[in-house]
Amino acid sequence: LTYQSTAGKVKYIQDATAAIVIDDASGVITTPYTVGDGITGIIGTTSVYNGSLQFVPVANPAPATSTGNVIQPKDVTLETLADYPAQLIKVNGVTINELASGGNGTFIVGKSYNINGTSNPVLRTQYALDYIGTELPATAQDIVGFSLMFNATVQLVPRSLADIKPSVGTGV
């Protein structure tokens, strides 16, 4: 498990080969998990939602089969972001130029922000995370997060304020 929303309905899982978003809108998964837990025996179906592959569980899996696992983000570029769906990634030297969908200079939940002077990919504030309400950074940032697709738009979704740090690199 690399991330779960505070409500626990959305989870990101990955192994050495791939990653996927678990969309548990019905609350089927009631077993408590924390980031770093190994989860096996997940049963469900896959579907595509607005361009992103997702997994919809149909049964509650067993407790974690391992704990404390650390998944290092993969260093990628904005140009290759779409090649790593739902995976934990890191992009260096990201500037948040302007709001693509209105706002007041702070991070707002559920908004897309232009990055590096373009509107695709975008930085997306997908969930009610701890950086919501904080000021948009004025300098380049190194950002850890996930890559998602929304129709034809590639989205970079940071997990927390700790994943948005002043840039120390200029790219991969």
C-alpha atoms as a PDB file:
ATOM      1  CA  LEU A   1       0.000   0.000   0.000  1.00  0.00           C
ATOM      2  CA  THR A   2       1.525   3.310  -1.063  1.00  0.00           C
ATOM      3  CA  TYR A   3      -1.398   5.624  -0.210  1.00  0.00           C
ATOM      4  CA  GLN A   4      -4.961   5.581   1.073  1.00  0.00           C
ATOM      5  CA  SER A   5      -7.432   8.425   1.341  1.00  0.00           C
ATOM      6  CA  THR A   6      -8.454   9.535   4.811  1.00  0.00           C
ATOM      7  CA  ALA A   7     -11.866   7.957   4.294  1.00  0.00           C
ATOM      8  CA  GLY A   8     -10.089   4.733   3.255  1.00  0.00           C
ATOM      9  CA  LYS A   9     -12.213   4.325   0.130  1.00  0.00           C
ATOM     10  CA  VAL A  10      -9.344   4.931  -2.320  1.00  0.00           C
ATOM     11  CA  LYS A  11      -6.078   3.039  -2.036  1.00  0.00           C
ATOM     12  CA  TYR A  12      -2.997   2.836  -4.221  1.00  0.00           C
ATOM     13  CA  ILE A  13      -1.091  -0.434  -4.320  1.00  0.00           C
ATOM     14  CA  GLN A  14       1.970  -1.471  -6.257  1.00  0.00           C
ATOM     15  CA  ASP A  15       4.569  -4.168  -6.555  1.00  0.00           C
ATOM     16  CA  ALA A  16       7.793  -4.414  -8.539  1.00  0.00           C
ATOM     17  CA  THR A  17       5.919  -4.611 -11.847  1.00  0.00           C
ATOM     18  CA  ALA A  18       2.928  -2.248 -11.761  1.00  0.00           C
ATOM     19  CA  ALA A  19       0.426  -0.284  -9.708  1.00  0.00           C
ATOM     20  CA  ILE A  20      -3.313   0.275  -9.597  1.00  0.00           C
ATOM     21  CA  VAL A  21      -5.884   2.434  -7.840  1.00  0.00           C
ATOM     22  CA  ILE A  22      -8.427   0.589  -5.703  1.00  0.00           C
ATOM     23  CA  ASP A  23     -11.758   2.405  -5.908  1.00  0.00           C
ATOM     24  CA  ASP A  24     -13.754   1.071  -2.965  1.00  0.00           C
ATOM     25  CA  ALA A  25     -16.738   3.432  -3.097  1.00  0.00           C
ATOM     26  CA  SER A  26     -18.968   0.736  -1.564  1.00  0.00           C
ATOM     27  CA  GLY A  27     -16.668   0.259   1.430  1.00  0.00           C
ATOM     28  CA  VAL A  28     -16.073  -3.458   0.805  1.00  0.00           C
ATOM     29  CA  ILE A  29     -12.569  -3.327   2.311  1.00  0.00           C
ATOM     30  CA  THR A  30     -12.986  -2.994   6.067  1.00  0.00           C
ATOM     31  CA  THR A  31      -9.635  -4.485   7.094  1.00  0.00           C
ATOM     32  CA  PRO A  32      -7.456  -1.652   8.423  1.00  0.00           C
ATOM     33  CA  TYR A  33      -4.210  -1.066   6.504  1.00  0.00           C
ATOM     34  CA  THR A  34      -1.416   1.473   6.750  1.00  0.00           C
ATOM     35  CA  VAL A  35       1.029   2.690   4.131  1.00  0.00           C
ATOM     36  CA  GLY A  36       3.739   0.059   3.713  1.00  0.00           C
ATOM     37  CA  ASP A  37       1.443  -2.910   4.338  1.00  0.00           C
ATOM     38  CA  GLY A  38       1.613  -5.857   1.961  1.00  0.00           C
ATOM     39  CA  ILE A  39      -1.859  -6.888   0.821  1.00  0.00           C
ATOM     40  CA  THR A  40      -2.582 -10.204  -0.863  1.00  0.00           C
ATOM     41  CA  GLY A  41      -5.742 -12.044  -1.854  1.00  0.00           C
ATOM     42  CA  ILE A  42      -7.585  -9.034  -3.231  1.00  0.00           C
ATOM     43  CA  ILE A  43     -10.596 -10.106  -5.284  1.00  0.00           C
ATOM     44  CA  GLY A  44     -12.469  -7.816  -7.633  1.00  0.00           C
ATOM     45  CA  THR A  45     -12.803  -6.490 -11.132  1.00  0.00           C
ATOM     46  CA  THR A  46     -10.992  -3.906 -13.201  1.00  0.00           C
ATOM     47  CA  SER A  47     -12.534  -1.122 -15.190  1.00  0.00           C
ATOM     48  CA  VAL A  48     -11.438   2.064 -16.897  1.00  0.00           C
ATOM     49  CA  TYR A  49     -12.700   5.298 -15.361  1.00  0.00           C
ATOM     50  CA  ASN A  50     -12.059   8.449 -17.422  1.00  0.00           C
ATOM     51  CA  GLY A  51      -8.893   6.917 -18.865  1.00  0.00           C
ATOM     52  CA  SER A  52      -7.449   5.368 -15.691  1.00  0.00           C
ATOM     53  CA  LEU A  53      -7.478   1.672 -14.915  1.00  0.00           C
ATOM     54  CA  GLN A  54      -8.995   0.993 -11.507  1.00  0.00           C
ATOM     55  CA  PHE A  55      -9.701  -2.037  -9.366  1.00  0.00           C
ATOM     56  CA  VAL A  56     -13.094  -2.447  -7.687  1.00  0.00           C
ATOM     57  CA  PRO A  57     -13.031  -4.956  -4.798  1.00  0.00           C
ATOM     58  CA  VAL A  58     -15.852  -7.450  -4.262  1.00  0.00           C
ATOM     59  CA  ALA A  59     -14.568  -9.010  -1.018  1.00  0.00           C
ATOM     60  CA  ASN A  60     -12.717  -7.851   2.069  1.00  0.00           C
ATOM     61  CA  PRO A  61      -9.106  -9.145   1.983  1.00  0.00           C
ATOM     62  CA  ALA A  62      -7.279 -10.616   4.978  1.00  0.00           C
ATOM     63  CA  PRO A  63      -5.047  -8.570   7.283  1.00  0.00           C
ATOM     64  CA  ALA A  64      -1.700  -7.349   5.954  1.00  0.00           C
ATOM     65  CA  THR A  65       0.704 -10.126   5.042  1.00  0.00           C
ATOM     66  CA  SER A  66       3.687  -7.857   5.736  1.00  0.00           C
ATOM     67  CA  THR A  67       4.232  -4.411   7.225  1.00  0.00           C
ATOM     68  CA  GLY A  68       6.779  -1.633   7.009  1.00  0.00           C
ATOM     69  CA  ASN A  69       7.517  -2.148   3.311  1.00  0.00           C
ATOM     70  CA  VAL A  70       9.138   0.879   1.719  1.00  0.00           C
ATOM     71  CA  ILE A  71       8.509   1.689  -1.925  1.00  0.00           C
ATOM     72  CA  GLN A  72      10.921   4.243  -3.326  1.00  0.00           C
ATOM     73  CA  PRO A  73       9.428   6.636  -5.874  1.00  0.00           C
ATOM     74  CA  LYS A  74      10.692   6.164  -9.414  1.00  0.00           C
ATOM     75  CA  ASP A  75      12.389   9.238 -10.895  1.00  0.00           C
ATOM     76  CA  VAL A  76      10.531  10.231 -14.068  1.00  0.00           C
ATOM     77  CA  THR A  77      10.050  13.281 -16.262  1.00  0.00           C
ATOM     78  CA  LEU A  78       6.819  15.099 -17.019  1.00  0.00           C
ATOM     79  CA  GLU A  79       7.116  13.781 -20.585  1.00  0.00           C
ATOM     80  CA  THR A  80       7.076  10.153 -19.366  1.00  0.00           C
ATOM     81  CA  LEU A  81       4.600  10.599 -16.506  1.00  0.00           C
ATOM     82  CA  ALA A  82       1.796   8.791 -18.355  1.00  0.00           C
ATOM     83  CA  ASP A  83       3.983   5.668 -18.624  1.00  0.00           C
ATOM     84  CA  TYR A  84       3.675   5.062 -14.851  1.00  0.00           C
ATOM     85  CA  PRO A  85      -0.060   4.888 -14.064  1.00  0.00           C
ATOM     86  CA  ALA A  86      -0.850   4.863 -10.323  1.00  0.00           C
ATOM     87  CA  GLN A  87       2.811   4.286  -9.463  1.00  0.00           C
ATOM     88  CA  LEU A  88       4.684   6.232  -6.819  1.00  0.00           C
ATOM     89  CA  ILE A  89       6.916   8.564  -8.828  1.00  0.00           C
ATOM     90  CA  LYS A  90       9.078  11.664  -8.377  1.00  0.00           C
ATOM     91  CA  VAL A  91       9.358  14.549 -10.827  1.00  0.00           C
ATOM     92  CA  ASN A  92      12.076  17.162 -10.339  1.00  0.00           C
ATOM     93  CA  GLY A  93      11.942  20.847 -11.216  1.00  0.00           C
ATOM     94  CA  VAL A  94       8.174  21.311 -11.376  1.00  0.00           C
ATOM     95  CA  THR A  95       6.865  24.868 -11.427  1.00  0.00           C
ATOM     96  CA  ILE A  96       3.224  25.546 -10.676  1.00  0.00           C
ATOM     97  CA  ASN A  97       2.560  28.408 -13.046  1.00  0.00           C
ATOM     98  CA  GLU A  98      -1.093  29.231 -12.598  1.00  0.00           C
ATOM     99  CA  LEU A  99      -4.416  27.776 -11.720  1.00  0.00           C
ATOM    100  CA  ALA A 100      -5.971  26.016 -14.658  1.00  0.00           C
ATOM    101  CA  SER A 101      -9.432  26.202 -13.094  1.00  0.00           C
ATOM    102  CA  GLY A 102      -9.620  29.303 -10.893  1.00  0.00           C
ATOM    103  CA  GLY A 103      -8.614  29.951  -7.302  1.00  0.00           C
ATOM    104  CA  ASN A 104      -6.891  32.307  -4.909  1.00  0.00           C
ATOM    105  CA  GLY A 105      -3.194  31.338  -4.879  1.00  0.00           C
ATOM    106  CA  THR A 106      -3.570  28.401  -2.521  1.00  0.00           C
ATOM    107  CA  PHE A 107      -4.060  24.700  -3.100  1.00  0.00           C
ATOM    108  CA  ILE A 108      -7.778  23.876  -3.363  1.00  0.00           C
ATOM    109  CA  VAL A 109      -9.142  20.336  -3.250  1.00  0.00           C
ATOM    110  CA  GLY A 110     -10.304  18.903  -6.556  1.00  0.00           C
ATOM    111  CA  LYS A 111      -8.486  21.422  -8.783  1.00  0.00           C
ATOM    112  CA  SER A 112      -6.014  21.131 -11.651  1.00  0.00           C
ATOM    113  CA  TYR A 113      -2.999  23.446 -11.801  1.00  0.00           C
ATOM    114  CA  ASN A 114      -0.865  24.168 -14.870  1.00  0.00           C
ATOM    115  CA  ILE A 115       2.701  22.992 -14.408  1.00  0.00           C
ATOM    116  CA  ASN A 116       5.870  23.975 -16.252  1.00  0.00           C
ATOM    117  CA  GLY A 117       3.880  26.314 -18.473  1.00  0.00           C
ATOM    118  CA  THR A 118       1.508  23.702 -19.898  1.00  0.00           C
ATOM    119  CA  SER A 119      -1.985  22.438 -19.245  1.00  0.00           C
ATOM    120  CA  ASN A 120      -1.052  18.786 -19.882  1.00  0.00           C
ATOM    121  CA  PRO A 121       0.213  17.357 -17.646  1.00  0.00           C
ATOM    122  CA  VAL A 122      -1.324  19.114 -14.653  1.00  0.00           C
ATOM    123  CA  LEU A 123      -0.868  18.944 -10.916  1.00  0.00           C
ATOM    124  CA  ARG A 124      -4.148  17.641  -9.472  1.00  0.00           C
ATOM    125  CA  THR A 125      -5.301  18.012  -5.872  1.00  0.00           C
ATOM    126  CA  GLN A 126      -7.373  14.852  -6.013  1.00  0.00           C
ATOM    127  CA  TYR A 127      -8.009  14.313  -2.305  1.00  0.00           C
ATOM    128  CA  ALA A 128      -8.437  16.427   0.844  1.00  0.00           C
ATOM    129  CA  LEU A 129      -4.735  16.353   1.730  1.00  0.00           C
ATOM    130  CA  ASP A 130      -2.660  18.315   4.229  1.00  0.00           C
ATOM    131  CA  TYR A 131      -1.421  20.793   1.613  1.00  0.00           C
ATOM    132  CA  ILE A 132      -4.942  22.023   0.835  1.00  0.00           C
ATOM    133  CA  GLY A 133      -5.129  25.687   1.868  1.00  0.00           C
ATOM    134  CA  THR A 134      -1.360  26.219   1.738  1.00  0.00           C
ATOM    135  CA  GLU A 135       0.168  28.780  -0.589  1.00  0.00           C
ATOM    136  CA  LEU A 136       1.244  27.681  -4.059  1.00  0.00           C
ATOM    137  CA  PRO A 137       5.051  27.538  -4.188  1.00  0.00           C
ATOM    138  CA  ALA A 138       6.687  30.325  -6.203  1.00  0.00           C
ATOM    139  CA  THR A 139       9.816  28.304  -7.077  1.00  0.00           C
ATOM    140  CA  ALA A 140      10.474  24.962  -8.768  1.00  0.00           C
ATOM    141  CA  GLN A 141       9.593  21.917  -6.670  1.00  0.00           C
ATOM    142  CA  ASP A 142      10.554  18.229  -6.607  1.00  0.00           C
ATOM    143  CA  ILE A 143       7.242  16.385  -6.253  1.00  0.00           C
ATOM    144  CA  VAL A 144       6.506  12.811  -5.204  1.00  0.00           C
ATOM    145  CA  GLY A 145       3.066  11.503  -6.076  1.00  0.00           C
ATOM    146  CA  PHE A 146       1.090   9.414  -8.502  1.00  0.00           C
ATOM    147  CA  SER A 147       0.372   9.600 -12.188  1.00  0.00           C
ATOM    148  CA  LEU A 148      -3.280   9.390 -13.180  1.00  0.00           C
ATOM    149  CA  MET A 149      -5.139   9.921 -16.431  1.00  0.00           C
ATOM    150  CA  PHE A 150      -8.313  11.932 -16.757  1.00  0.00           C
ATOM    151  CA  ASN A 151      -9.456  11.430 -20.319  1.00  0.00           C
ATOM    152  CA  ALA A 152      -6.478  12.758 -22.320  1.00  0.00           C
ATOM    153  CA  THR A 153      -4.942  14.778 -19.462  1.00  0.00           C
ATOM    154  CA  VAL A 154      -2.036  13.371 -17.465  1.00  0.00           C
ATOM    155  CA  GLN A 155      -2.243  14.258 -13.768  1.00  0.00           C
ATOM    156  CA  LEU A 156       0.476  14.415 -11.119  1.00  0.00           C
ATOM    157  CA  VAL A 157      -1.145  13.891  -7.694  1.00  0.00           C
ATOM    158  CA  PRO A 158       1.052  14.576  -4.617  1.00  0.00           C
ATOM    159  CA  ARG A 159       0.195  12.555  -1.475  1.00  0.00           C
ATOM    160  CA  SER A 160       1.103  15.171   1.135  1.00  0.00           C
ATOM    161  CA  LEU A 161       2.864  18.456   1.826  1.00  0.00           C
ATOM    162  CA  ALA A 162       6.004  16.434   2.656  1.00  0.00           C
ATOM    163  CA  ASP A 163       6.013  15.280  -1.003  1.00  0.00           C
ATOM    164  CA  ILE A 164       6.352  18.865  -2.319  1.00  0.00           C
ATOM    165  CA  LYS A 165       9.874  20.165  -1.659  1.00  0.00           C
ATOM    166  CA  PRO A 166      11.984  22.959  -3.130  1.00  0.00           C
ATOM    167  CA  SER A 167      13.831  21.597  -6.145  1.00  0.00           C
ATOM    168  CA  VAL A 168      17.347  20.297  -5.776  1.00  0.00           C
ATOM    169  CA  GLY A 169      17.394  18.774  -9.274  1.00  0.00           C
ATOM    170  CA  THR A 170      16.440  19.854 -12.736  1.00  0.00           C
ATOM    171  CA  GLY A 171      15.055  16.578 -14.032  1.00  0.00           C
ATOM    172  CA  VAL A 172      15.981  12.997 -14.685  1.00  0.00           C
END
